Amino acid sequence: MWLVINHTSYAADRTWVQDRDANKIWFVLVKATFDILADGTTSLAEKQESVLRVAQPRGKFGESSLIYESDILGLKPATDIVVNGHAWAPNGRPVASVDVGFAVGPVRKILRVFGDRVWERTVMRGIAMSTPRPFSRIPLEYERAFGGWDRTASDLADHRLESRNPVGTGFVCNLAGLDGTRLPNFEYGDRLIASWKDRPTPAGFGPVDCAWSPRRELAGTYDGEWQRTRAPLWATDFDPRYHQCAPGDQQVQGYLRGGEPMRLLNLSASGSLSFRLPRVYPFFETRIGRERIEHRGRLCTVLLEPDVPRVIMTWQTSLVCNDRVDELDGTIVTEKEVL
């Protein structure tokens, strides 16, 4: 009962989830890992990454950014595109700044990356940014994006955080704690920081923690009324976009399908990297009692790791079962031929 029989070369897993309306949903995932070759083609990786049931942070939960989000949180209404790795200086020659980014389908995203710099007090210019230190590569992590805590106040109650990125850097509320504060390495090129008072959108390519804004607010309202009338269900104002972990400008409504050309700029040691997303069509057949139900998956996550280089693609599919939960035997996963 409740089995997944996997006849593909990829990883697969299953679980039960509930939606906002308390429907009991059979949830099956397929996760495929591909190497990206020097000629721009892809090939099935020898090691297939497994479906993640728990998110993986860089350090302690709540005190560091995520490397990987869990694959089984719930149904995603769009495709997440996530990038792990580094920003690279062209040709390996140290630079003070460089633009990095990617394009696939309707998404085109470019960030400006600066070498390490701090706010400093100067005689001639007052409060100013130091000159960026040249770099060859910088890790893509939210610890280097705008955000963080301001803990300069003596009273703990007056400590403040940037809820969009509590682990970041550059967030200050007064001049007392400004001198020597590290500025973010990543910014949007059309919204560069000009003053210590600026509050730019944290810039990054990686997964956004579910406890950070604006993702956190999508989970809904959990107050006394919820406690009395809904617990432990999702709140009535729960938004399924809560399950999306990519930044908002890295989500594709209507889903990617595979086969789309993808271009990366300065996200690999080679400078530019171009390839097509592999065309994979997992097919699912679920048996509930004497009924056999055929259904397809939706490409919910594209994870790029250009340092390897590889691309990891995850599909999800679901069936509402409710009072037929105990009748469900399992799902057979196969792969349809690409025409």
C-alpha atoms as a PDB file:
ATOM      1  CA  MET A   1       0.000   0.000   0.000  1.00  0.00           C
ATOM      2  CA  TRP A   2       1.087   3.558  -0.830  1.00  0.00           C
ATOM      3  CA  LEU A   3       4.050   2.385  -2.879  1.00  0.00           C
ATOM      4  CA  VAL A   4       5.951   4.010  -5.728  1.00  0.00           C
ATOM      5  CA  ILE A   5       7.286   1.580  -8.327  1.00  0.00           C
ATOM      6  CA  ASN A   6       9.890   3.509 -10.264  1.00  0.00           C
ATOM      7  CA  HIS A   7      10.772   2.254 -13.771  1.00  0.00           C
ATOM      8  CA  THR A   8      12.880   5.305 -14.672  1.00  0.00           C
ATOM      9  CA  SER A   9      16.577   6.106 -14.235  1.00  0.00           C
ATOM     10  CA  TYR A  10      15.686   8.969 -11.901  1.00  0.00           C
ATOM     11  CA  ALA A  11      14.868   9.278  -8.204  1.00  0.00           C
ATOM     12  CA  ALA A  12      11.241   9.139  -7.078  1.00  0.00           C
ATOM     13  CA  ASP A  13       9.358   9.460  -3.814  1.00  0.00           C
ATOM     14  CA  ARG A  14       5.867  10.038  -2.439  1.00  0.00           C
ATOM     15  CA  THR A  15       3.982  11.416   0.551  1.00  0.00           C
ATOM     16  CA  TRP A  16       0.564  12.658   1.640  1.00  0.00           C
ATOM     17  CA  VAL A  17      -0.215  16.367   1.883  1.00  0.00           C
ATOM     18  CA  GLN A  18      -3.303  18.432   2.665  1.00  0.00           C
ATOM     19  CA  ASP A  19      -4.401  21.571   0.878  1.00  0.00           C
ATOM     20  CA  ARG A  20      -6.197  24.588   2.346  1.00  0.00           C
ATOM     21  CA  ASP A  21      -9.562  22.819   2.027  1.00  0.00           C
ATOM     22  CA  ALA A  22      -8.345  19.742   3.953  1.00  0.00           C
ATOM     23  CA  ASN A  23      -8.288  17.521   0.866  1.00  0.00           C
ATOM     24  CA  LYS A  24      -6.042  14.480   1.331  1.00  0.00           C
ATOM     25  CA  ILE A  25      -3.650  14.487  -1.612  1.00  0.00           C
ATOM     26  CA  TRP A  26      -1.386  11.702  -2.867  1.00  0.00           C
ATOM     27  CA  PHE A  27       1.803  13.482  -3.861  1.00  0.00           C
ATOM     28  CA  VAL A  28       4.473  11.861  -6.074  1.00  0.00           C
ATOM     29  CA  LEU A  29       7.765  13.385  -7.227  1.00  0.00           C
ATOM     30  CA  VAL A  30      10.421  12.500  -9.785  1.00  0.00           C
ATOM     31  CA  LYS A  31      13.871  14.097  -9.580  1.00  0.00           C
ATOM     32  CA  ALA A  32      16.383  13.855 -12.439  1.00  0.00           C
ATOM     33  CA  THR A  33      20.030  14.923 -12.343  1.00  0.00           C
ATOM     34  CA  PHE A  34      21.945  15.744 -15.541  1.00  0.00           C
ATOM     35  CA  ASP A  35      25.552  16.704 -16.169  1.00  0.00           C
ATOM     36  CA  ILE A  36      26.106  19.719 -18.435  1.00  0.00           C
ATOM     37  CA  LEU A  37      28.856  18.957 -20.943  1.00  0.00           C
ATOM     38  CA  ALA A  38      31.368  21.353 -22.490  1.00  0.00           C
ATOM     39  CA  ASP A  39      29.614  21.290 -25.876  1.00  0.00           C
ATOM     40  CA  GLY A  40      26.317  22.438 -24.355  1.00  0.00           C
ATOM     41  CA  THR A  41      24.647  19.021 -24.336  1.00  0.00           C
ATOM     42  CA  THR A  42      23.456  17.206 -21.241  1.00  0.00           C
ATOM     43  CA  SER A  43      23.772  13.609 -20.129  1.00  0.00           C
ATOM     44  CA  LEU A  44      22.239  11.564 -17.353  1.00  0.00           C
ATOM     45  CA  ALA A  45      24.400  11.919 -14.243  1.00  0.00           C
ATOM     46  CA  GLU A  46      25.869   8.776 -12.718  1.00  0.00           C
ATOM     47  CA  LYS A  47      24.707   9.956  -9.298  1.00  0.00           C
ATOM     48  CA  GLN A  48      21.006  10.766  -9.140  1.00  0.00           C
ATOM     49  CA  GLU A  49      20.157  13.116  -6.281  1.00  0.00           C
ATOM     50  CA  SER A  50      17.350  11.841  -4.071  1.00  0.00           C
ATOM     51  CA  VAL A  51      14.111  13.649  -3.288  1.00  0.00           C
ATOM     52  CA  LEU A  52      14.730  15.871  -0.255  1.00  0.00           C
ATOM     53  CA  ARG A  53      12.269  15.551   2.601  1.00  0.00           C
ATOM     54  CA  VAL A  54      13.972  18.194   4.763  1.00  0.00           C
ATOM     55  CA  ALA A  55      15.559  21.510   3.778  1.00  0.00           C
ATOM     56  CA  GLN A  56      19.353  21.779   4.012  1.00  0.00           C
ATOM     57  CA  PRO A  57      20.760  25.033   5.474  1.00  0.00           C
ATOM     58  CA  ARG A  58      24.385  26.178   5.217  1.00  0.00           C
ATOM     59  CA  GLY A  59      24.700  26.194   8.985  1.00  0.00           C
ATOM     60  CA  LYS A  60      22.116  26.193  11.759  1.00  0.00           C
ATOM     61  CA  PHE A  61      18.433  26.431  10.878  1.00  0.00           C
ATOM     62  CA  GLY A  62      17.251  29.994  11.363  1.00  0.00           C
ATOM     63  CA  GLU A  63      20.788  31.371  11.413  1.00  0.00           C
ATOM     64  CA  SER A  64      21.898  30.680   7.844  1.00  0.00           C
ATOM     65  CA  SER A  65      20.514  30.593   4.330  1.00  0.00           C
ATOM     66  CA  LEU A  66      19.273  27.455   2.603  1.00  0.00           C
ATOM     67  CA  ILE A  67      21.352  25.454   0.169  1.00  0.00           C
ATOM     68  CA  TYR A  68      18.348  23.306  -0.758  1.00  0.00           C
ATOM     69  CA  GLU A  69      14.653  23.575   0.089  1.00  0.00           C
ATOM     70  CA  SER A  70      12.624  20.447   0.773  1.00  0.00           C
ATOM     71  CA  ASP A  71      11.055  18.927  -2.338  1.00  0.00           C
ATOM     72  CA  ILE A  72       7.871  17.769  -0.621  1.00  0.00           C
ATOM     73  CA  LEU A  73       6.343  20.856   0.992  1.00  0.00           C
ATOM     74  CA  GLY A  74       3.319  20.920  -1.297  1.00  0.00           C
ATOM     75  CA  LEU A  75       1.989  21.645  -4.772  1.00  0.00           C
ATOM     76  CA  LYS A  76       3.749  24.483  -6.549  1.00  0.00           C
ATOM     77  CA  PRO A  77       1.645  26.638  -8.908  1.00  0.00           C
ATOM     78  CA  ALA A  78       4.745  27.614 -10.927  1.00  0.00           C
ATOM     79  CA  THR A  79       8.264  26.434 -11.789  1.00  0.00           C
ATOM     80  CA  ASP A  80      11.008  27.535  -9.394  1.00  0.00           C
ATOM     81  CA  ILE A  81      14.398  28.293 -10.955  1.00  0.00           C
ATOM     82  CA  VAL A  82      17.185  28.200  -8.368  1.00  0.00           C
ATOM     83  CA  VAL A  83      20.942  28.654  -8.748  1.00  0.00           C
ATOM     84  CA  ASN A  84      23.668  27.448  -6.356  1.00  0.00           C
ATOM     85  CA  GLY A  85      27.322  28.242  -6.910  1.00  0.00           C
ATOM     86  CA  HIS A  86      29.519  31.301  -7.411  1.00  0.00           C
ATOM     87  CA  ALA A  87      29.794  34.540  -9.320  1.00  0.00           C
ATOM     88  CA  TRP A  88      32.970  34.329 -11.419  1.00  0.00           C
ATOM     89  CA  ALA A  89      35.276  37.015 -12.767  1.00  0.00           C
ATOM     90  CA  PRO A  90      35.662  36.696 -16.573  1.00  0.00           C
ATOM     91  CA  ASN A  91      38.756  34.736 -17.610  1.00  0.00           C
ATOM     92  CA  GLY A  92      39.712  34.270 -13.969  1.00  0.00           C
ATOM     93  CA  ARG A  93      41.156  37.773 -13.709  1.00  0.00           C
ATOM     94  CA  PRO A  94      40.188  39.582 -10.485  1.00  0.00           C
ATOM     95  CA  VAL A  95      37.657  42.387 -10.936  1.00  0.00           C
ATOM     96  CA  ALA A  96      35.990  44.908  -8.623  1.00  0.00           C
ATOM     97  CA  SER A  97      32.518  44.196 -10.048  1.00  0.00           C
ATOM     98  CA  VAL A  98      30.824  42.064 -12.675  1.00  0.00           C
ATOM     99  CA  ASP A  99      27.304  41.347 -13.930  1.00  0.00           C
ATOM    100  CA  VAL A 100      26.044  37.789 -13.556  1.00  0.00           C
ATOM    101  CA  GLY A 101      22.749  36.155 -14.435  1.00  0.00           C
ATOM    102  CA  PHE A 102      20.741  33.750 -16.534  1.00  0.00           C
ATOM    103  CA  ALA A 103      17.905  33.577 -19.037  1.00  0.00           C
ATOM    104  CA  VAL A 104      15.418  30.773 -19.656  1.00  0.00           C
ATOM    105  CA  GLY A 105      11.879  30.901 -20.983  1.00  0.00           C
ATOM    106  CA  PRO A 106      10.290  34.197 -19.900  1.00  0.00           C
ATOM    107  CA  VAL A 107      12.844  34.772 -17.119  1.00  0.00           C
ATOM    108  CA  ARG A 108      15.865  37.030 -17.549  1.00  0.00           C
ATOM    109  CA  LYS A 109      17.729  38.069 -14.420  1.00  0.00           C
ATOM    110  CA  ILE A 110      20.985  39.993 -14.058  1.00  0.00           C
ATOM    111  CA  LEU A 111      22.643  41.044 -10.791  1.00  0.00           C
ATOM    112  CA  ARG A 112      25.634  43.307 -10.191  1.00  0.00           C
ATOM    113  CA  VAL A 113      28.289  41.664  -8.028  1.00  0.00           C
ATOM    114  CA  PHE A 114      30.819  43.762  -6.116  1.00  0.00           C
ATOM    115  CA  GLY A 115      33.947  42.755  -4.264  1.00  0.00           C
ATOM    116  CA  ASP A 116      33.950  43.094  -0.470  1.00  0.00           C
ATOM    117  CA  ARG A 117      33.393  46.666   0.765  1.00  0.00           C
ATOM    118  CA  VAL A 118      32.310  48.420   3.931  1.00  0.00           C
ATOM    119  CA  TRP A 119      30.783  51.665   5.087  1.00  0.00           C
ATOM    120  CA  GLU A 120      33.500  53.980   6.440  1.00  0.00           C
ATOM    121  CA  ARG A 121      33.847  57.494   7.807  1.00  0.00           C
ATOM    122  CA  THR A 122      36.077  59.734   5.700  1.00  0.00           C
ATOM    123  CA  VAL A 123      37.332  63.273   6.188  1.00  0.00           C
ATOM    124  CA  MET A 124      36.404  64.492   2.726  1.00  0.00           C
ATOM    125  CA  ARG A 125      33.242  62.515   1.931  1.00  0.00           C
ATOM    126  CA  GLY A 126      31.774  61.737   5.345  1.00  0.00           C
ATOM    127  CA  ILE A 127      30.041  58.346   5.344  1.00  0.00           C
ATOM    128  CA  ALA A 128      31.062  56.549   2.162  1.00  0.00           C
ATOM    129  CA  MET A 129      31.557  53.110   0.650  1.00  0.00           C
ATOM    130  CA  SER A 130      35.074  51.717   0.536  1.00  0.00           C
ATOM    131  CA  THR A 131      36.499  50.683  -2.819  1.00  0.00           C
ATOM    132  CA  PRO A 132      35.440  47.101  -3.691  1.00  0.00           C
ATOM    133  CA  ARG A 133      38.211  44.561  -3.263  1.00  0.00           C
ATOM    134  CA  PRO A 134      38.956  42.685  -6.506  1.00  0.00           C
ATOM    135  CA  PHE A 135      37.755  39.083  -6.537  1.00  0.00           C
ATOM    136  CA  SER A 136      37.991  35.998  -8.735  1.00  0.00           C
ATOM    137  CA  ARG A 137      34.838  34.359  -7.413  1.00  0.00           C
ATOM    138  CA  ILE A 138      32.260  34.989  -4.698  1.00  0.00           C
ATOM    139  CA  PRO A 139      29.778  32.409  -3.336  1.00  0.00           C
ATOM    140  CA  LEU A 140      26.111  32.932  -4.159  1.00  0.00           C
ATOM    141  CA  GLU A 141      24.566  33.029  -0.703  1.00  0.00           C
ATOM    142  CA  TYR A 142      22.134  35.341   1.057  1.00  0.00           C
ATOM    143  CA  GLU A 143      24.692  36.038   3.780  1.00  0.00           C
ATOM    144  CA  ARG A 144      26.232  38.343   1.164  1.00  0.00           C
ATOM    145  CA  ALA A 145      22.954  39.996   0.095  1.00  0.00           C
ATOM    146  CA  PHE A 146      21.279  43.001   1.733  1.00  0.00           C
ATOM    147  CA  GLY A 147      19.725  42.231   5.092  1.00  0.00           C
ATOM    148  CA  GLY A 148      20.716  41.190   8.583  1.00  0.00           C
ATOM    149  CA  TRP A 149      20.177  42.543  12.071  1.00  0.00           C
ATOM    150  CA  ASP A 150      20.900  45.866  13.739  1.00  0.00           C
ATOM    151  CA  ARG A 151      21.810  45.007  17.347  1.00  0.00           C
ATOM    152  CA  THR A 152      23.553  48.259  18.256  1.00  0.00           C
ATOM    153  CA  ALA A 153      20.829  49.391  20.690  1.00  0.00           C
ATOM    154  CA  SER A 154      21.504  48.578  24.340  1.00  0.00           C
ATOM    155  CA  ASP A 155      17.894  47.451  24.848  1.00  0.00           C
ATOM    156  CA  LEU A 156      17.142  44.110  23.186  1.00  0.00           C
ATOM    157  CA  ALA A 157      13.620  45.310  22.474  1.00  0.00           C
ATOM    158  CA  ASP A 158      15.092  47.921  20.138  1.00  0.00           C
ATOM    159  CA  HIS A 159      17.030  45.435  18.018  1.00  0.00           C
ATOM    160  CA  ARG A 160      15.750  45.355  14.423  1.00  0.00           C
ATOM    161  CA  LEU A 161      16.012  42.884  11.550  1.00  0.00           C
ATOM    162  CA  GLU A 162      15.441  42.866   7.811  1.00  0.00           C
ATOM    163  CA  SER A 163      12.652  40.280   7.604  1.00  0.00           C
ATOM    164  CA  ARG A 164      13.293  39.644   3.897  1.00  0.00           C
ATOM    165  CA  ASN A 165      16.774  38.342   4.704  1.00  0.00           C
ATOM    166  CA  PRO A 166      17.698  38.076   8.402  1.00  0.00           C
ATOM    167  CA  VAL A 167      21.084  36.474   7.623  1.00  0.00           C
ATOM    168  CA  GLY A 168      22.276  39.201   5.236  1.00  0.00           C
ATOM    169  CA  THR A 169      24.482  42.239   5.651  1.00  0.00           C
ATOM    170  CA  GLY A 170      24.249  46.035   5.362  1.00  0.00           C
ATOM    171  CA  PHE A 171      21.033  46.609   7.323  1.00  0.00           C
ATOM    172  CA  VAL A 172      21.587  49.415   9.857  1.00  0.00           C
ATOM    173  CA  CYS A 173      19.113  51.712  11.586  1.00  0.00           C
ATOM    174  CA  ASN A 174      21.437  54.435  12.886  1.00  0.00           C
ATOM    175  CA  LEU A 175      24.916  55.816  12.401  1.00  0.00           C
ATOM    176  CA  ALA A 176      26.194  54.377  15.669  1.00  0.00           C
ATOM    177  CA  GLY A 177      26.703  50.941  14.177  1.00  0.00           C
ATOM    178  CA  LEU A 178      27.571  51.960  10.648  1.00  0.00           C
ATOM    179  CA  ASP A 179      31.360  52.299  10.525  1.00  0.00           C
ATOM    180  CA  GLY A 180      32.905  49.064   9.249  1.00  0.00           C
ATOM    181  CA  THR A 181      29.541  47.479   8.388  1.00  0.00           C
ATOM    182  CA  ARG A 182      29.922  45.194   5.387  1.00  0.00           C
ATOM    183  CA  LEU A 183      27.862  46.121   2.335  1.00  0.00           C
ATOM    184  CA  PRO A 184      26.131  43.441   0.261  1.00  0.00           C
ATOM    185  CA  ASN A 185      28.061  41.851  -2.588  1.00  0.00           C
ATOM    186  CA  PHE A 186      24.931  41.406  -4.709  1.00  0.00           C
ATOM    187  CA  GLU A 187      22.585  44.127  -5.950  1.00  0.00           C
ATOM    188  CA  TYR A 188      20.129  44.773  -8.747  1.00  0.00           C
ATOM    189  CA  GLY A 189      22.003  46.890 -11.276  1.00  0.00           C
ATOM    190  CA  ASP A 190      19.152  49.377 -11.682  1.00  0.00           C
ATOM    191  CA  ARG A 191      18.671  49.786  -7.909  1.00  0.00           C
ATOM    192  CA  LEU A 192      22.175  50.217  -6.546  1.00  0.00           C
ATOM    193  CA  ILE A 193      22.654  51.315  -2.947  1.00  0.00           C
ATOM    194  CA  ALA A 194      23.459  55.020  -2.697  1.00  0.00           C
ATOM    195  CA  SER A 195      22.891  55.680   1.021  1.00  0.00           C
ATOM    196  CA  TRP A 196      23.104  53.701   4.255  1.00  0.00           C
ATOM    197  CA  LYS A 197      19.399  54.456   4.661  1.00  0.00           C
ATOM    198  CA  ASP A 198      18.475  52.570   1.478  1.00  0.00           C
ATOM    199  CA  ARG A 199      16.426  49.387   1.868  1.00  0.00           C
ATOM    200  CA  PRO A 200      16.818  47.527  -1.438  1.00  0.00           C
ATOM    201  CA  THR A 201      15.241  44.179  -2.212  1.00  0.00           C
ATOM    202  CA  PRO A 202      17.755  41.479  -1.169  1.00  0.00           C
ATOM    203  CA  ALA A 203      19.338  40.183  -4.366  1.00  0.00           C
ATOM    204  CA  GLY A 204      20.108  36.525  -4.880  1.00  0.00           C
ATOM    205  CA  PHE A 205      19.521  33.403  -6.933  1.00  0.00           C
ATOM    206  CA  GLY A 206      19.082  30.789  -4.207  1.00  0.00           C
ATOM    207  CA  PRO A 207      16.079  29.404  -2.312  1.00  0.00           C
ATOM    208  CA  VAL A 208      14.258  31.798   0.015  1.00  0.00           C
ATOM    209  CA  ASP A 209      13.602  30.456   3.508  1.00  0.00           C
ATOM    210  CA  CYS A 210       9.916  29.891   4.312  1.00  0.00           C
ATOM    211  CA  ALA A 211      10.352  31.994   7.482  1.00  0.00           C
ATOM    212  CA  TRP A 212      11.427  35.088   5.513  1.00  0.00           C
ATOM    213  CA  SER A 213       9.222  37.782   3.993  1.00  0.00           C
ATOM    214  CA  PRO A 214       7.449  37.885   1.621  1.00  0.00           C
ATOM    215  CA  ARG A 215       7.170  34.089   1.537  1.00  0.00           C
ATOM    216  CA  ARG A 216       6.234  33.842   5.205  1.00  0.00           C
ATOM    217  CA  GLU A 217       3.137  36.007   4.805  1.00  0.00           C
ATOM    218  CA  LEU A 218       1.803  33.702   2.082  1.00  0.00           C
ATOM    219  CA  ALA A 219       1.288  31.006   4.731  1.00  0.00           C
ATOM    220  CA  GLY A 220      -1.715  32.958   6.003  1.00  0.00           C
ATOM    221  CA  THR A 221      -3.012  34.204   9.343  1.00  0.00           C
ATOM    222  CA  TYR A 222      -2.737  32.002  12.425  1.00  0.00           C
ATOM    223  CA  ASP A 223      -4.530  33.861  15.216  1.00  0.00           C
ATOM    224  CA  GLY A 224      -7.067  33.049  17.900  1.00  0.00           C
ATOM    225  CA  GLU A 225      -9.831  32.610  15.360  1.00  0.00           C
ATOM    226  CA  TRP A 226      -7.707  30.080  13.446  1.00  0.00           C
ATOM    227  CA  GLN A 227      -6.917  28.276  16.705  1.00  0.00           C
ATOM    228  CA  ARG A 228     -10.627  27.962  17.532  1.00  0.00           C
ATOM    229  CA  THR A 229     -11.993  27.094  14.090  1.00  0.00           C
ATOM    230  CA  ARG A 230      -9.264  25.754  11.784  1.00  0.00           C
ATOM    231  CA  ALA A 231      -6.282  24.246  13.627  1.00  0.00           C
ATOM    232  CA  PRO A 232      -4.370  22.254  12.525  1.00  0.00           C
ATOM    233  CA  LEU A 233      -5.410  23.041   8.915  1.00  0.00           C
ATOM    234  CA  TRP A 234      -3.897  25.752   6.740  1.00  0.00           C
ATOM    235  CA  ALA A 235      -5.368  29.211   7.339  1.00  0.00           C
ATOM    236  CA  THR A 236      -8.257  30.325   5.128  1.00  0.00           C
ATOM    237  CA  ASP A 237      -5.995  32.964   3.550  1.00  0.00           C
ATOM    238  CA  PHE A 238      -3.216  30.475   2.801  1.00  0.00           C
ATOM    239  CA  ASP A 239      -1.683  31.101  -0.633  1.00  0.00           C
ATOM    240  CA  PRO A 240      -0.195  28.078  -2.504  1.00  0.00           C
ATOM    241  CA  ARG A 241       2.657  30.322  -3.654  1.00  0.00           C
ATOM    242  CA  TYR A 242       4.029  29.743  -0.154  1.00  0.00           C
ATOM    243  CA  HIS A 243       5.427  26.464  -1.510  1.00  0.00           C
ATOM    244  CA  GLN A 244       7.558  28.351  -4.062  1.00  0.00           C
ATOM    245  CA  CYS A 245      11.128  28.778  -2.809  1.00  0.00           C
ATOM    246  CA  ALA A 246      12.685  30.768  -5.680  1.00  0.00           C
ATOM    247  CA  PRO A 247      12.732  34.583  -5.602  1.00  0.00           C
ATOM    248  CA  GLY A 248       9.608  36.011  -7.227  1.00  0.00           C
ATOM    249  CA  ASP A 249      11.505  37.009 -10.371  1.00  0.00           C
ATOM    250  CA  GLN A 250      12.683  33.402 -10.829  1.00  0.00           C
ATOM    251  CA  GLN A 251       9.257  31.762 -10.959  1.00  0.00           C
ATOM    252  CA  VAL A 252       7.629  30.727 -14.247  1.00  0.00           C
ATOM    253  CA  GLN A 253       3.847  30.792 -14.285  1.00  0.00           C
ATOM    254  CA  GLY A 254       2.398  28.007 -16.406  1.00  0.00           C
ATOM    255  CA  TYR A 255       5.535  25.927 -15.797  1.00  0.00           C
ATOM    256  CA  LEU A 256       8.592  25.195 -17.899  1.00  0.00           C
ATOM    257  CA  ARG A 257       8.285  21.999 -19.930  1.00  0.00           C
ATOM    258  CA  GLY A 258      11.860  21.002 -20.754  1.00  0.00           C
ATOM    259  CA  GLY A 259      13.697  21.679 -23.979  1.00  0.00           C
ATOM    260  CA  GLU A 260      13.968  25.445 -23.327  1.00  0.00           C
ATOM    261  CA  PRO A 261      17.351  27.047 -24.109  1.00  0.00           C
ATOM    262  CA  MET A 262      19.197  28.318 -21.055  1.00  0.00           C
ATOM    263  CA  ARG A 263      22.019  30.859 -20.988  1.00  0.00           C
ATOM    264  CA  LEU A 264      24.226  31.666 -17.999  1.00  0.00           C
ATOM    265  CA  LEU A 265      26.521  34.686 -17.677  1.00  0.00           C
ATOM    266  CA  ASN A 266      29.544  34.623 -15.347  1.00  0.00           C
ATOM    267  CA  LEU A 267      28.008  31.897 -13.213  1.00  0.00           C
ATOM    268  CA  SER A 268      30.725  29.442 -14.207  1.00  0.00           C
ATOM    269  CA  ALA A 269      34.492  29.519 -14.602  1.00  0.00           C
ATOM    270  CA  SER A 270      34.033  29.468 -18.387  1.00  0.00           C
ATOM    271  CA  GLY A 271      32.205  32.810 -18.293  1.00  0.00           C
ATOM    272  CA  SER A 272      29.219  31.874 -20.418  1.00  0.00           C
ATOM    273  CA  LEU A 273      27.364  28.581 -20.452  1.00  0.00           C
ATOM    274  CA  SER A 274      24.519  27.640 -22.792  1.00  0.00           C
ATOM    275  CA  PHE A 275      22.464  24.448 -23.028  1.00  0.00           C
ATOM    276  CA  ARG A 276      18.901  23.220 -23.377  1.00  0.00           C
ATOM    277  CA  LEU A 277      16.961  21.856 -20.460  1.00  0.00           C
ATOM    278  CA  PRO A 278      16.595  18.100 -20.963  1.00  0.00           C
ATOM    279  CA  ARG A 279      13.232  16.995 -22.329  1.00  0.00           C
ATOM    280  CA  VAL A 280      11.882  14.462 -19.864  1.00  0.00           C
ATOM    281  CA  TYR A 281       8.261  13.381 -19.625  1.00  0.00           C
ATOM    282  CA  PRO A 282       7.578  11.253 -16.533  1.00  0.00           C
ATOM    283  CA  PHE A 283       4.277   9.420 -16.672  1.00  0.00           C
ATOM    284  CA  PHE A 284       2.293   8.170 -13.686  1.00  0.00           C
ATOM    285  CA  GLU A 285      -0.279   5.413 -13.278  1.00  0.00           C
ATOM    286  CA  THR A 286      -1.965   5.189  -9.903  1.00  0.00           C
ATOM    287  CA  ARG A 287      -4.153   2.317  -8.736  1.00  0.00           C
ATOM    288  CA  ILE A 288      -7.019   3.127  -6.354  1.00  0.00           C
ATOM    289  CA  GLY A 289      -9.122   0.078  -5.660  1.00  0.00           C
ATOM    290  CA  ARG A 290      -9.964  -1.401  -9.077  1.00  0.00           C
ATOM    291  CA  GLU A 291      -9.436   1.928 -10.840  1.00  0.00           C
ATOM    292  CA  ARG A 292      -6.268   2.855 -12.697  1.00  0.00           C
ATOM    293  CA  ILE A 293      -5.675   6.583 -13.147  1.00  0.00           C
ATOM    294  CA  GLU A 294      -3.116   7.937 -15.616  1.00  0.00           C
ATOM    295  CA  HIS A 295      -1.646  11.382 -14.949  1.00  0.00           C
ATOM    296  CA  ARG A 296       1.350  13.533 -15.847  1.00  0.00           C
ATOM    297  CA  GLY A 297       3.786  15.577 -13.822  1.00  0.00           C
ATOM    298  CA  ARG A 298       4.548  19.276 -13.853  1.00  0.00           C
ATOM    299  CA  LEU A 299       8.102  20.576 -13.814  1.00  0.00           C
ATOM    300  CA  CYS A 300       8.122  22.337 -10.449  1.00  0.00           C
ATOM    301  CA  THR A 301      11.841  22.988  -9.836  1.00  0.00           C
ATOM    302  CA  VAL A 302      14.925  23.593 -11.964  1.00  0.00           C
ATOM    303  CA  LEU A 303      18.082  23.701  -9.853  1.00  0.00           C
ATOM    304  CA  LEU A 304      21.277  24.861 -11.527  1.00  0.00           C
ATOM    305  CA  GLU A 305      24.721  24.157 -10.105  1.00  0.00           C
ATOM    306  CA  PRO A 306      27.136  25.577 -12.702  1.00  0.00           C
ATOM    307  CA  ASP A 307      30.232  24.860 -10.586  1.00  0.00           C
ATOM    308  CA  VAL A 308      29.719  21.115 -11.162  1.00  0.00           C
ATOM    309  CA  PRO A 309      28.191  21.755 -13.778  1.00  0.00           C
ATOM    310  CA  ARG A 310      24.791  20.069 -13.542  1.00  0.00           C
ATOM    311  CA  VAL A 311      21.059  20.716 -13.639  1.00  0.00           C
ATOM    312  CA  ILE A 312      18.533  18.987 -11.382  1.00  0.00           C
ATOM    313  CA  MET A 313      14.878  18.921 -12.448  1.00  0.00           C
ATOM    314  CA  THR A 314      11.929  17.897 -10.268  1.00  0.00           C
ATOM    315  CA  TRP A 315       8.388  17.035 -11.354  1.00  0.00           C
ATOM    316  CA  GLN A 316       5.386  16.672  -9.086  1.00  0.00           C
ATOM    317  CA  THR A 317       1.986  15.148  -9.601  1.00  0.00           C
ATOM    318  CA  SER A 318      -0.984  14.724  -7.309  1.00  0.00           C
ATOM    319  CA  LEU A 319      -4.367  13.047  -6.852  1.00  0.00           C
ATOM    320  CA  VAL A 320      -7.101  14.048  -4.428  1.00  0.00           C
ATOM    321  CA  CYS A 321      -8.105  10.880  -2.583  1.00  0.00           C
ATOM    322  CA  ASN A 322     -10.023  11.900   0.568  1.00  0.00           C
ATOM    323  CA  ASP A 323     -12.190   8.930   1.627  1.00  0.00           C
ATOM    324  CA  ARG A 324     -10.308   6.607  -0.759  1.00  0.00           C
ATOM    325  CA  VAL A 325      -6.944   6.914   0.998  1.00  0.00           C
ATOM    326  CA  ASP A 326      -7.054   3.317   2.243  1.00  0.00           C
ATOM    327  CA  GLU A 327      -7.870   2.066  -1.270  1.00  0.00           C
ATOM    328  CA  LEU A 328      -4.715   3.501  -2.826  1.00  0.00           C
ATOM    329  CA  ASP A 329      -2.166   0.808  -3.657  1.00  0.00           C
ATOM    330  CA  GLY A 330       0.492   3.002  -5.219  1.00  0.00           C
ATOM    331  CA  THR A 331       1.866   4.626  -8.349  1.00  0.00           C
ATOM    332  CA  ILE A 332       3.948   3.261 -11.216  1.00  0.00           C
ATOM    333  CA  VAL A 333       6.383   5.803 -12.683  1.00  0.00           C
ATOM    334  CA  THR A 334       7.562   5.443 -16.281  1.00  0.00           C
ATOM    335  CA  GLU A 335       8.992   7.787 -18.893  1.00  0.00           C
ATOM    336  CA  LYS A 336       7.171   8.616 -22.117  1.00  0.00           C
ATOM    337  CA  GLU A 337       9.174   8.731 -25.317  1.00  0.00           C
ATOM    338  CA  VAL A 338      10.026  12.224 -26.575  1.00  0.00           C
ATOM    339  CA  LEU A 339       8.568  12.709 -30.070  1.00  0.00           C
END
